[in-house]
Amino acid sequence: MATLTYVYADSTAVLGPLATYAEPHCYDLCADHSERLTAPRGWEVVRLALDSGPARPSGDDLEALADAVREAARTHRGRPERGDPSPAGPGGRDADPMEVARRGHLRVLRSPEP
């Protein structure tokens, strides 16, 4: 995977590692399309070094996962989530019945019963 960015002033297409945030005029490409990329006549393609190995979770990713698991375990034991006035779970009675806990934009969902 790679991110494609155009620099119109220099007539250059830059292909580099995946961007960490969304930006106008940036496009994420799969490996096949990034290898076959061509630019318009008169343009230059600059290919920055890409990490060929699989992406590894960062410390922040692992910490967020551990926090979500801890929160789900606390809620699952019957203790309401901090700041949650209702024992029915996050969001009150109208909440998604599959949702066990919520922390910021992350949600912990219950596995569907077979």
PDB file of N, CA and C in Angstrom:
ATOM      1  N   MET A   1       0.835  -1.169   0.000  1.00  0.00           N
ATOM      2  CA  MET A   1       0.000   0.000   0.000  1.00  0.00           C
ATOM      3  C   MET A   1       0.891   1.248   0.000  1.00  0.00           C
ATOM      4  N   ALA A   2       0.410   2.263  -0.680  1.00  0.00           N
ATOM      5  CA  ALA A   2       1.175   3.496  -0.775  1.00  0.00           C
ATOM      6  C   ALA A   2       0.215   4.662  -0.935  1.00  0.00           C
ATOM      7  N   THR A   3       0.693   5.866  -0.645  1.00  0.00           N
ATOM      8  CA  THR A   3      -0.100   7.076  -0.838  1.00  0.00           C
ATOM      9  C   THR A   3       0.481   7.860  -2.000  1.00  0.00           C
ATOM     10  N   LEU A   4      -0.400   8.259  -2.909  1.00  0.00           N
ATOM     11  CA  LEU A   4      -0.025   9.038  -4.082  1.00  0.00           C
ATOM     12  C   LEU A   4      -0.411  10.486  -3.842  1.00  0.00           C
ATOM     13  N   THR A   5       0.546  11.383  -4.059  1.00  0.00           N
ATOM     14  CA  THR A   5       0.304  12.823  -3.918  1.00  0.00           C
ATOM     15  C   THR A   5       0.811  13.506  -5.174  1.00  0.00           C
ATOM     16  N   TYR A   6       0.031  14.448  -5.687  1.00  0.00           N
ATOM     17  CA  TYR A   6       0.450  15.222  -6.860  1.00  0.00           C
ATOM     18  C   TYR A   6       0.982  16.574  -6.425  1.00  0.00           C
ATOM     19  N   VAL A   7       2.107  16.976  -7.033  1.00  0.00           N
ATOM     20  CA  VAL A   7       2.646  18.324  -6.837  1.00  0.00           C
ATOM     21  C   VAL A   7       2.533  19.005  -8.197  1.00  0.00           C
ATOM     22  N   TYR A   8       1.411  19.709  -8.388  1.00  0.00           N
ATOM     23  CA  TYR A   8       1.119  20.287  -9.690  1.00  0.00           C
ATOM     24  C   TYR A   8       2.158  21.313 -10.122  1.00  0.00           C
ATOM     25  N   ALA A   9       2.663  22.102  -9.200  1.00  0.00           N
ATOM     26  CA  ALA A   9       3.631  23.146  -9.552  1.00  0.00           C
ATOM     27  C   ALA A   9       4.902  22.568 -10.156  1.00  0.00           C
ATOM     28  N   ASP A  10       5.277  21.362  -9.701  1.00  0.00           N
ATOM     29  CA  ASP A  10       6.503  20.726 -10.204  1.00  0.00           C
ATOM     30  C   ASP A  10       6.225  19.640 -11.233  1.00  0.00           C
ATOM     31  N   SER A  11       4.962  19.428 -11.601  1.00  0.00           N
ATOM     32  CA  SER A  11       4.578  18.333 -12.506  1.00  0.00           C
ATOM     33  C   SER A  11       5.162  17.011 -12.025  1.00  0.00           C
ATOM     34  N   THR A  12       4.911  16.717 -10.759  1.00  0.00           N
ATOM     35  CA  THR A  12       5.488  15.529 -10.129  1.00  0.00           C
ATOM     36  C   THR A  12       4.402  14.755  -9.389  1.00  0.00           C
ATOM     37  N   ALA A  13       4.475  13.437  -9.508  1.00  0.00           N
ATOM     38  CA  ALA A  13       3.619  12.539  -8.725  1.00  0.00           C
ATOM     39  C   ALA A  13       4.529  11.839  -7.728  1.00  0.00           C
ATOM     40  N   VAL A  14       4.199  11.938  -6.444  1.00  0.00           N
ATOM     41  CA  VAL A  14       5.025  11.346  -5.396  1.00  0.00           C
ATOM     42  C   VAL A  14       4.286  10.142  -4.830  1.00  0.00           C
ATOM     43  N   LEU A  15       4.960   9.001  -4.830  1.00  0.00           N
ATOM     44  CA  LEU A  15       4.407   7.767  -4.302  1.00  0.00           C
ATOM     45  C   LEU A  15       5.238   7.373  -3.096  1.00  0.00           C
ATOM     46  N   GLY A  16       4.611   7.350  -1.915  1.00  0.00           N
ATOM     47  CA  GLY A  16       5.352   7.074  -0.692  1.00  0.00           C
ATOM     48  C   GLY A  16       4.551   6.231   0.279  1.00  0.00           C
ATOM     49  N   PRO A  17       5.044   6.120   1.506  1.00  0.00           N
ATOM     50  CA  PRO A  17       4.352   5.319   2.518  1.00  0.00           C
ATOM     51  C   PRO A  17       2.954   5.867   2.784  1.00  0.00           C
ATOM     52  N   LEU A  18       2.088   5.022   3.326  1.00  0.00           N
ATOM     53  CA  LEU A  18       0.728   5.443   3.638  1.00  0.00           C
ATOM     54  C   LEU A  18       0.732   6.670   4.538  1.00  0.00           C
ATOM     55  N   ALA A  19      -0.111   7.609   4.205  1.00  0.00           N
ATOM     56  CA  ALA A  19      -0.235   8.828   5.006  1.00  0.00           C
ATOM     57  C   ALA A  19      -0.896   8.493   6.337  1.00  0.00           C
ATOM     58  N   THR A  20      -0.523   9.203   7.384  1.00  0.00           N
ATOM     59  CA  THR A  20      -1.096   8.947   8.700  1.00  0.00           C
ATOM     60  C   THR A  20      -2.368   9.755   8.922  1.00  0.00           C
ATOM     61  N   TYR A  21      -2.679  10.715   8.052  1.00  0.00           N
ATOM     62  CA  TYR A  21      -3.905  11.498   8.172  1.00  0.00           C
ATOM     63  C   TYR A  21      -4.397  11.859   6.779  1.00  0.00           C
ATOM     64  N   ALA A  22      -5.698  12.086   6.669  1.00  0.00           N
ATOM     65  CA  ALA A  22      -6.292  12.413   5.374  1.00  0.00           C
ATOM     66  C   ALA A  22      -5.911  13.821   4.949  1.00  0.00           C
ATOM     67  N   GLU A  23      -5.633  13.953   3.682  1.00  0.00           N
ATOM     68  CA  GLU A  23      -5.265  15.246   3.134  1.00  0.00           C
ATOM     69  C   GLU A  23      -5.837  15.332   1.718  1.00  0.00           C
ATOM     70  N   PRO A  24      -6.319  16.512   1.312  1.00  0.00           N
ATOM     71  CA  PRO A  24      -6.863  16.632  -0.044  1.00  0.00           C
ATOM     72  C   PRO A  24      -5.810  16.287  -1.092  1.00  0.00           C
ATOM     73  N   HIS A  25      -6.243  15.690  -2.141  1.00  0.00           N
ATOM     74  CA  HIS A  25      -5.385  15.339  -3.279  1.00  0.00           C
ATOM     75  C   HIS A  25      -4.373  14.249  -2.955  1.00  0.00           C
ATOM     76  N   CYS A  26      -4.643  13.441  -1.943  1.00  0.00           N
ATOM     77  CA  CYS A  26      -3.830  12.262  -1.640  1.00  0.00           C
ATOM     78  C   CYS A  26      -4.703  11.035  -1.860  1.00  0.00           C
ATOM     79  N   TYR A  27      -4.128  10.012  -2.447  1.00  0.00           N
ATOM     80  CA  TYR A  27      -4.889   8.811  -2.760  1.00  0.00           C
ATOM     81  C   TYR A  27      -4.101   7.595  -2.303  1.00  0.00           C
ATOM     82  N   ASP A  28      -4.744   6.704  -1.575  1.00  0.00           N
ATOM     83  CA  ASP A  28      -4.110   5.469  -1.143  1.00  0.00           C
ATOM     84  C   ASP A  28      -4.283   4.423  -2.236  1.00  0.00           C
ATOM     85  N   LEU A  29      -3.191   3.765  -2.568  1.00  0.00           N
ATOM     86  CA  LEU A  29      -3.193   2.758  -3.635  1.00  0.00           C
ATOM     87  C   LEU A  29      -2.771   1.404  -3.079  1.00  0.00           C
ATOM     88  N   CYS A  30      -3.334   0.335  -3.632  1.00  0.00           N
ATOM     89  CA  CYS A  30      -2.892  -1.009  -3.256  1.00  0.00           C
ATOM     90  C   CYS A  30      -1.525  -1.264  -3.895  1.00  0.00           C
ATOM     91  N   ALA A  31      -0.899  -2.378  -3.525  1.00  0.00           N
ATOM     92  CA  ALA A  31       0.445  -2.691  -4.013  1.00  0.00           C
ATOM     93  C   ALA A  31       0.478  -2.832  -5.535  1.00  0.00           C
ATOM     94  N   ASP A  32      -0.526  -3.504  -6.111  1.00  0.00           N
ATOM     95  CA  ASP A  32      -0.543  -3.706  -7.565  1.00  0.00           C
ATOM     96  C   ASP A  32      -0.617  -2.375  -8.311  1.00  0.00           C
ATOM     97  N   HIS A  33      -1.496  -1.495  -7.879  1.00  0.00           N
ATOM     98  CA  HIS A  33      -1.644  -0.220  -8.578  1.00  0.00           C
ATOM     99  C   HIS A  33      -0.453   0.709  -8.343  1.00  0.00           C
ATOM    100  N   SER A  34       0.151   0.647  -7.164  1.00  0.00           N
ATOM    101  CA  SER A  34       1.310   1.507  -6.928  1.00  0.00           C
ATOM    102  C   SER A  34       2.505   1.067  -7.766  1.00  0.00           C
ATOM    103  N   GLU A  35       2.632  -0.226  -8.057  1.00  0.00           N
ATOM    104  CA  GLU A  35       3.733  -0.711  -8.909  1.00  0.00           C
ATOM    105  C   GLU A  35       3.531  -0.316 -10.366  1.00  0.00           C
ATOM    106  N   ARG A  36       2.264  -0.280 -10.825  1.00  0.00           N
ATOM    107  CA  ARG A  36       1.983  -0.008 -12.236  1.00  0.00           C
ATOM    108  C   ARG A  36       1.706   1.464 -12.519  1.00  0.00           C
ATOM    109  N   LEU A  37       1.868   2.325 -11.528  1.00  0.00           N
ATOM    110  CA  LEU A  37       1.531   3.734 -11.679  1.00  0.00           C
ATOM    111  C   LEU A  37       2.369   4.398 -12.767  1.00  0.00           C
ATOM    112  N   THR A  38       1.696   5.144 -13.619  1.00  0.00           N
ATOM    113  CA  THR A  38       2.380   5.987 -14.602  1.00  0.00           C
ATOM    114  C   THR A  38       1.821   7.397 -14.460  1.00  0.00           C
ATOM    115  N   ALA A  39       2.600   8.378 -14.864  1.00  0.00           N
ATOM    116  CA  ALA A  39       2.171   9.779 -14.768  1.00  0.00           C
ATOM    117  C   ALA A  39       1.941  10.320 -16.169  1.00  0.00           C
ATOM    118  N   PRO A  40       1.234  11.426 -16.282  1.00  0.00           N
ATOM    119  CA  PRO A  40       1.021  12.035 -17.602  1.00  0.00           C
ATOM    120  C   PRO A  40       2.352  12.413 -18.259  1.00  0.00           C
ATOM    121  N   ARG A  41       2.336  12.513 -19.572  1.00  0.00           N
ATOM    122  CA  ARG A  41       3.530  12.886 -20.335  1.00  0.00           C
ATOM    123  C   ARG A  41       4.070  14.217 -19.820  1.00  0.00           C
ATOM    124  N   GLY A  42       5.368  14.267 -19.557  1.00  0.00           N
ATOM    125  CA  GLY A  42       6.010  15.483 -19.057  1.00  0.00           C
ATOM    126  C   GLY A  42       6.085  15.539 -17.536  1.00  0.00           C
ATOM    127  N   TRP A  43       5.449  14.593 -16.875  1.00  0.00           N
ATOM    128  CA  TRP A  43       5.486  14.528 -15.414  1.00  0.00           C
ATOM    129  C   TRP A  43       6.524  13.530 -14.963  1.00  0.00           C
ATOM    130  N   GLU A  44       7.019  13.738 -13.761  1.00  0.00           N
ATOM    131  CA  GLU A  44       7.999  12.825 -13.153  1.00  0.00           C
ATOM    132  C   GLU A  44       7.321  12.075 -12.006  1.00  0.00           C
ATOM    133  N   VAL A  45       7.663  10.790 -11.856  1.00  0.00           N
ATOM    134  CA  VAL A  45       7.155   9.998 -10.734  1.00  0.00           C
ATOM    135  C   VAL A  45       8.310   9.801  -9.752  1.00  0.00           C
ATOM    136  N   VAL A  46       8.124  10.246  -8.523  1.00  0.00           N
ATOM    137  CA  VAL A  46       9.118  10.056  -7.473  1.00  0.00           C
ATOM    138  C   VAL A  46       8.588   8.964  -6.561  1.00  0.00           C
ATOM    139  N   ARG A  47       9.361   7.875  -6.428  1.00  0.00           N
ATOM    140  CA  ARG A  47       8.958   6.752  -5.574  1.00  0.00           C
ATOM    141  C   ARG A  47       9.832   6.746  -4.320  1.00  0.00           C
ATOM    142  N   LEU A  48       9.204   7.044  -3.200  1.00  0.00           N
ATOM    143  CA  LEU A  48       9.912   7.016  -1.924  1.00  0.00           C
ATOM    144  C   LEU A  48       9.953   5.579  -1.413  1.00  0.00           C
ATOM    145  N   ALA A  49      10.935   5.284  -0.568  1.00  0.00           N
ATOM    146  CA  ALA A  49      11.070   3.927  -0.042  1.00  0.00           C
ATOM    147  C   ALA A  49       9.826   3.545   0.750  1.00  0.00           C
ATOM    148  N   LEU A  50       9.314   2.341   0.467  1.00  0.00           N
ATOM    149  CA  LEU A  50       8.142   1.820   1.161  1.00  0.00           C
ATOM    150  C   LEU A  50       8.569   0.671   2.056  1.00  0.00           C
ATOM    151  N   ASP A  51       7.905   0.537   3.200  1.00  0.00           N
ATOM    152  CA  ASP A  51       8.146  -0.623   4.060  1.00  0.00           C
ATOM    153  C   ASP A  51       7.486  -1.825   3.405  1.00  0.00           C
ATOM    154  N   SER A  52       8.261  -2.849   3.102  1.00  0.00           N
ATOM    155  CA  SER A  52       7.705  -4.020   2.436  1.00  0.00           C
ATOM    156  C   SER A  52       7.117  -5.021   3.418  1.00  0.00           C
ATOM    157  N   GLY A  53       7.489  -4.920   4.692  1.00  0.00           N
ATOM    158  CA  GLY A  53       6.973  -5.857   5.691  1.00  0.00           C
ATOM    159  C   GLY A  53       5.585  -5.476   6.144  1.00  0.00           C
ATOM    160  N   PRO A  54       4.904  -6.404   6.809  1.00  0.00           N
ATOM    161  CA  PRO A  54       3.572  -6.100   7.303  1.00  0.00           C
ATOM    162  C   PRO A  54       3.623  -5.024   8.385  1.00  0.00           C
ATOM    163  N   ALA A  55       2.576  -4.226   8.435  1.00  0.00           N
ATOM    164  CA  ALA A  55       2.510  -3.165   9.443  1.00  0.00           C
ATOM    165  C   ALA A  55       2.373  -3.783  10.826  1.00  0.00           C
ATOM    166  N   ARG A  56       3.129  -3.285  11.770  1.00  0.00           N
ATOM    167  CA  ARG A  56       3.066  -3.792  13.138  1.00  0.00           C
ATOM    168  C   ARG A  56       2.302  -2.809  13.999  1.00  0.00           C
ATOM    169  N   PRO A  57       1.563  -3.331  14.971  1.00  0.00           N
ATOM    170  CA  PRO A  57       0.829  -2.418  15.843  1.00  0.00           C
ATOM    171  C   PRO A  57       1.785  -1.542  16.640  1.00  0.00           C
ATOM    172  N   SER A  58       1.376  -0.307  16.839  1.00  0.00           N
ATOM    173  CA  SER A  58       2.199   0.599  17.640  1.00  0.00           C
ATOM    174  C   SER A  58       1.854   0.408  19.106  1.00  0.00           C
ATOM    175  N   GLY A  59       2.624   1.031  19.973  1.00  0.00           N
ATOM    176  CA  GLY A  59       2.350   0.973  21.400  1.00  0.00           C
ATOM    177  C   GLY A  59       0.984   1.556  21.724  1.00  0.00           C
ATOM    178  N   ASP A  60       0.592   2.620  20.991  1.00  0.00           N
ATOM    179  CA  ASP A  60      -0.719   3.229  21.208  1.00  0.00           C
ATOM    180  C   ASP A  60      -1.843   2.265  20.838  1.00  0.00           C
ATOM    181  N   ASP A  61      -1.664   1.509  19.744  1.00  0.00           N
ATOM    182  CA  ASP A  61      -2.673   0.537  19.335  1.00  0.00           C
ATOM    183  C   ASP A  61      -2.851  -0.533  20.401  1.00  0.00           C
ATOM    184  N   LEU A  62      -1.740  -1.047  20.905  1.00  0.00           N
ATOM    185  CA  LEU A  62      -1.812  -2.096  21.912  1.00  0.00           C
ATOM    186  C   LEU A  62      -2.412  -1.578  23.216  1.00  0.00           C
ATOM    187  N   GLU A  63      -2.080  -0.345  23.588  1.00  0.00           N
ATOM    188  CA  GLU A  63      -2.628   0.226  24.811  1.00  0.00           C
ATOM    189  C   GLU A  63      -4.135   0.450  24.684  1.00  0.00           C
ATOM    190  N   ALA A  64      -4.592   0.922  23.524  1.00  0.00           N
ATOM    191  CA  ALA A  64      -6.023   1.127  23.301  1.00  0.00           C
ATOM    192  C   ALA A  64      -6.774  -0.199  23.353  1.00  0.00           C
ATOM    193  N   LEU A  65      -6.190  -1.238  22.796  1.00  0.00           N
ATOM    194  CA  LEU A  65      -6.805  -2.564  22.843  1.00  0.00           C
ATOM    195  C   LEU A  65      -6.889  -3.072  24.273  1.00  0.00           C
ATOM    196  N   ALA A  66      -5.815  -2.940  25.033  1.00  0.00           N
ATOM    197  CA  ALA A  66      -5.808  -3.393  26.428  1.00  0.00           C
ATOM    198  C   ALA A  66      -6.829  -2.614  27.253  1.00  0.00           C
ATOM    199  N   ASP A  67      -6.940  -1.302  27.037  1.00  0.00           N
ATOM    200  CA  ASP A  67      -7.925  -0.495  27.756  1.00  0.00           C
ATOM    201  C   ASP A  67      -9.343  -0.934  27.422  1.00  0.00           C
ATOM    202  N   ALA A  68      -9.602  -1.216  26.153  1.00  0.00           N
ATOM    203  CA  ALA A  68     -10.938  -1.649  25.745  1.00  0.00           C
ATOM    204  C   ALA A  68     -11.290  -2.994  26.369  1.00  0.00           C
ATOM    205  N   VAL A  69     -10.329  -3.915  26.434  1.00  0.00           N
ATOM    206  CA  VAL A  69     -10.575  -5.223  27.040  1.00  0.00           C
ATOM    207  C   VAL A  69     -10.836  -5.066  28.528  1.00  0.00           C
ATOM    208  N   ARG A  70     -10.050  -4.241  29.207  1.00  0.00           N
ATOM    209  CA  ARG A  70     -10.263  -3.997  30.641  1.00  0.00           C
ATOM    210  C   ARG A  70     -11.648  -3.405  30.895  1.00  0.00           C
ATOM    211  N   GLU A  71     -12.020  -2.435  30.080  1.00  0.00           N
ATOM    212  CA  GLU A  71     -13.326  -1.789  30.237  1.00  0.00           C
ATOM    213  C   GLU A  71     -14.459  -2.781  29.995  1.00  0.00           C
ATOM    214  N   ALA A  72     -14.297  -3.624  28.997  1.00  0.00           N
ATOM    215  CA  ALA A  72     -15.329  -4.633  28.718  1.00  0.00           C
ATOM    216  C   ALA A  72     -15.446  -5.613  29.875  1.00  0.00           C
ATOM    217  N   ALA A  73     -14.332  -5.991  30.466  1.00  0.00           N
ATOM    218  CA  ALA A  73     -14.368  -6.922  31.600  1.00  0.00           C
ATOM    219  C   ALA A  73     -15.068  -6.278  32.788  1.00  0.00           C
ATOM    220  N   ARG A  74     -14.811  -5.008  33.036  1.00  0.00           N
ATOM    221  CA  ARG A  74     -15.470  -4.303  34.142  1.00  0.00           C
ATOM    222  C   ARG A  74     -16.979  -4.215  33.916  1.00  0.00           C
ATOM    223  N   THR A  75     -17.382  -3.856  32.722  1.00  0.00           N
ATOM    224  CA  THR A  75     -18.795  -3.722  32.393  1.00  0.00           C
ATOM    225  C   THR A  75     -19.482  -5.089  32.406  1.00  0.00           C
ATOM    226  N   HIS A  76     -18.789  -6.093  31.940  1.00  0.00           N
ATOM    227  CA  HIS A  76     -19.349  -7.442  31.863  1.00  0.00           C
ATOM    228  C   HIS A  76     -19.638  -8.011  33.247  1.00  0.00           C
ATOM    229  N   ARG A  77     -18.858  -7.624  34.237  1.00  0.00           N
ATOM    230  CA  ARG A  77     -19.060  -8.106  35.606  1.00  0.00           C
ATOM    231  C   ARG A  77     -20.233  -7.427  36.295  1.00  0.00           C
ATOM    232  N   GLY A  78     -20.909  -6.533  35.590  1.00  0.00           N
ATOM    233  CA  GLY A  78     -22.089  -5.923  36.163  1.00  0.00           C
ATOM    234  C   GLY A  78     -21.888  -4.507  36.656  1.00  0.00           C
ATOM    235  N   ARG A  79     -20.653  -4.033  36.687  1.00  0.00           N
ATOM    236  CA  ARG A  79     -20.421  -2.658  37.107  1.00  0.00           C
ATOM    237  C   ARG A  79     -20.711  -1.748  35.942  1.00  0.00           C
ATOM    238  N   PRO A  80     -21.539  -0.723  36.128  1.00  0.00           N
ATOM    239  CA  PRO A  80     -21.781   0.193  35.021  1.00  0.00           C
ATOM    240  C   PRO A  80     -20.518   0.961  34.655  1.00  0.00           C
ATOM    241  N   GLU A  81     -20.441   1.329  33.412  1.00  0.00           N
ATOM    242  CA  GLU A  81     -19.299   2.097  32.920  1.00  0.00           C
ATOM    243  C   GLU A  81     -19.290   3.462  33.587  1.00  0.00           C
ATOM    244  N   ARG A  82     -18.093   3.998  33.850  1.00  0.00           N
ATOM    245  CA  ARG A  82     -17.953   5.293  34.497  1.00  0.00           C
ATOM    246  C   ARG A  82     -18.714   6.357  33.696  1.00  0.00           C
ATOM    247  N   GLY A  83     -19.560   7.113  34.395  1.00  0.00           N
ATOM    248  CA  GLY A  83     -20.333   8.144  33.726  1.00  0.00           C
ATOM    249  C   GLY A  83     -21.623   7.624  33.121  1.00  0.00           C
ATOM    250  N   ASP A  84     -21.917   6.321  33.243  1.00  0.00           N
ATOM    251  CA  ASP A  84     -23.114   5.728  32.670  1.00  0.00           C
ATOM    252  C   ASP A  84     -24.166   5.598  33.760  1.00  0.00           C
ATOM    253  N   PRO A  85     -25.234   6.387  33.732  1.00  0.00           N
ATOM    254  CA  PRO A  85     -26.211   6.354  34.802  1.00  0.00           C
ATOM    255  C   PRO A  85     -27.096   5.118  34.775  1.00  0.00           C
ATOM    256  N   SER A  86     -27.235   4.479  33.622  1.00  0.00           N
ATOM    257  CA  SER A  86     -28.142   3.344  33.551  1.00  0.00           C
ATOM    258  C   SER A  86     -27.380   2.028  33.606  1.00  0.00           C
ATOM    259  N   PRO A  87     -27.942   1.000  34.292  1.00  0.00           N
ATOM    260  CA  PRO A  87     -27.290  -0.290  34.325  1.00  0.00           C
ATOM    261  C   PRO A  87     -27.423  -1.037  33.013  1.00  0.00           C
ATOM    262  N   ALA A  88     -28.220  -0.521  32.078  1.00  0.00           N
ATOM    263  CA  ALA A  88     -28.422  -1.210  30.808  1.00  0.00           C
ATOM    264  C   ALA A  88     -27.193  -1.143  29.918  1.00  0.00           C
ATOM    265  N   GLY A  89     -26.240  -0.300  30.245  1.00  0.00           N
ATOM    266  CA  GLY A  89     -25.025  -0.200  29.436  1.00  0.00           C
ATOM    267  C   GLY A  89     -24.915   1.167  28.812  1.00  0.00           C
ATOM    268  N   PRO A  90     -23.895   1.358  27.964  1.00  0.00           N
ATOM    269  CA  PRO A  90     -23.641   2.662  27.367  1.00  0.00           C
ATOM    270  C   PRO A  90     -24.813   3.118  26.524  1.00  0.00           C
ATOM    271  N   GLY A  91     -25.207   4.339  26.716  1.00  0.00           N
ATOM    272  CA  GLY A  91     -26.232   4.912  25.871  1.00  0.00           C
ATOM    273  C   GLY A  91     -27.645   4.697  26.376  1.00  0.00           C
ATOM    274  N   GLY A  92     -27.869   3.951  27.426  1.00  0.00           N
ATOM    275  CA  GLY A  92     -29.199   3.740  27.982  1.00  0.00           C
ATOM    276  C   GLY A  92     -29.953   2.635  27.276  1.00  0.00           C
ATOM    277  N   ARG A  93     -31.288   2.728  27.318  1.00  0.00           N
ATOM    278  CA  ARG A  93     -32.142   1.657  26.807  1.00  0.00           C
ATOM    279  C   ARG A  93     -32.126   1.544  25.304  1.00  0.00           C
ATOM    280  N   ASP A  94     -31.868   2.629  24.605  1.00  0.00           N
ATOM    281  CA  ASP A  94     -31.892   2.611  23.149  1.00  0.00           C
ATOM    282  C   ASP A  94     -30.559   2.197  22.545  1.00  0.00           C
ATOM    283  N   ALA A  95     -29.606   1.810  23.369  1.00  0.00           N
ATOM    284  CA  ALA A  95     -28.276   1.456  22.873  1.00  0.00           C
ATOM    285  C   ALA A  95     -28.327   0.138  22.103  1.00  0.00           C
ATOM    286  N   ASP A  96     -27.339  -0.065  21.278  1.00  0.00           N
ATOM    287  CA  ASP A  96     -27.193  -1.308  20.523  1.00  0.00           C
ATOM    288  C   ASP A  96     -27.042  -2.467  21.498  1.00  0.00           C
ATOM    289  N   PRO A  97     -27.879  -3.520  21.409  1.00  0.00           N
ATOM    290  CA  PRO A  97     -27.784  -4.628  22.369  1.00  0.00           C
ATOM    291  C   PRO A  97     -26.468  -5.396  22.252  1.00  0.00           C
ATOM    292  N   MET A  98     -25.756  -5.249  21.140  1.00  0.00           N
ATOM    293  CA  MET A  98     -24.474  -5.938  20.965  1.00  0.00           C
ATOM    294  C   MET A  98     -23.338  -5.161  21.605  1.00  0.00           C
ATOM    295  N   GLU A  99     -23.571  -3.875  21.935  1.00  0.00           N
ATOM    296  CA  GLU A  99     -22.514  -3.037  22.498  1.00  0.00           C
ATOM    297  C   GLU A  99     -22.361  -3.305  23.991  1.00  0.00           C
ATOM    298  N   VAL A 100     -21.147  -3.679  24.387  1.00  0.00           N
ATOM    299  CA  VAL A 100     -20.850  -3.980  25.779  1.00  0.00           C
ATOM    300  C   VAL A 100     -20.265  -2.764  26.480  1.00  0.00           C
ATOM    301  N   ALA A 101     -19.372  -2.059  25.813  1.00  0.00           N
ATOM    302  CA  ALA A 101     -18.706  -0.911  26.417  1.00  0.00           C
ATOM    303  C   ALA A 101     -18.313   0.079  25.329  1.00  0.00           C
ATOM    304  N   ARG A 102     -18.017   1.300  25.750  1.00  0.00           N
ATOM    305  CA  ARG A 102     -17.596   2.345  24.824  1.00  0.00           C
ATOM    306  C   ARG A 102     -16.508   3.155  25.491  1.00  0.00           C
ATOM    307  N   ARG A 103     -15.471   3.470  24.734  1.00  0.00           N
ATOM    308  CA  ARG A 103     -14.405   4.333  25.234  1.00  0.00           C
ATOM    309  C   ARG A 103     -13.986   5.227  24.086  1.00  0.00           C
ATOM    310  N   GLY A 104     -14.410   6.467  24.165  1.00  0.00           N
ATOM    311  CA  GLY A 104     -14.140   7.387  23.060  1.00  0.00           C
ATOM    312  C   GLY A 104     -14.881   6.922  21.827  1.00  0.00           C
ATOM    313  N   HIS A 105     -14.173   6.746  20.717  1.00  0.00           N
ATOM    314  CA  HIS A 105     -14.807   6.286  19.488  1.00  0.00           C
ATOM    315  C   HIS A 105     -14.762   4.765  19.336  1.00  0.00           C
ATOM    316  N   LEU A 106     -14.139   4.064  20.294  1.00  0.00           N
ATOM    317  CA  LEU A 106     -14.053   2.608  20.239  1.00  0.00           C
ATOM    318  C   LEU A 106     -15.254   1.981  20.934  1.00  0.00           C
ATOM    319  N   ARG A 107     -15.767   0.900  20.375  1.00  0.00           N
ATOM    320  CA  ARG A 107     -16.865   0.169  20.992  1.00  0.00           C
ATOM    321  C   ARG A 107     -16.461  -1.292  21.139  1.00  0.00           C
ATOM    322  N   VAL A 108     -16.856  -1.914  22.235  1.00  0.00           N
ATOM    323  CA  VAL A 108     -16.646  -3.333  22.446  1.00  0.00           C
ATOM    324  C   VAL A 108     -17.999  -3.999  22.206  1.00  0.00           C
ATOM    325  N   LEU A 109     -18.032  -4.959  21.266  1.00  0.00           N
ATOM    326  CA  LEU A 109     -19.275  -5.619  20.922  1.00  0.00           C
ATOM    327  C   LEU A 109     -19.290  -7.051  21.417  1.00  0.00           C
ATOM    328  N   ARG A 110     -20.464  -7.515  21.817  1.00  0.00           N
ATOM    329  CA  ARG A 110     -20.672  -8.896  22.249  1.00  0.00           C
ATOM    330  C   ARG A 110     -20.703  -9.791  21.018  1.00  0.00           C
ATOM    331  N   SER A 111     -20.150 -10.984  21.106  1.00  0.00           N
ATOM    332  CA  SER A 111     -20.195 -11.927  20.003  1.00  0.00           C
ATOM    333  C   SER A 111     -21.631 -12.397  19.818  1.00  0.00           C
ATOM    334  N   PRO A 112     -22.080 -12.534  18.567  1.00  0.00           N
ATOM    335  CA  PRO A 112     -23.447 -13.000  18.349  1.00  0.00           C
ATOM    336  C   PRO A 112     -23.600 -14.438  18.813  1.00  0.00           C
ATOM    337  N   GLU A 113     -24.749 -14.723  19.413  1.00  0.00           N
ATOM    338  CA  GLU A 113     -24.995 -16.083  19.878  1.00  0.00           C
ATOM    339  C   GLU A 113     -25.403 -16.952  18.700  1.00  0.00           C
ATOM    340  N   PRO A 114     -24.890 -18.190  18.631  1.00  0.00           N
ATOM    341  CA  PRO A 114     -25.234 -19.051  17.475  1.00  0.00           C
ATOM    342  C   PRO A 114     -26.667 -19.507  17.486  1.00  0.00           C
TER     343      PRO A 114
END
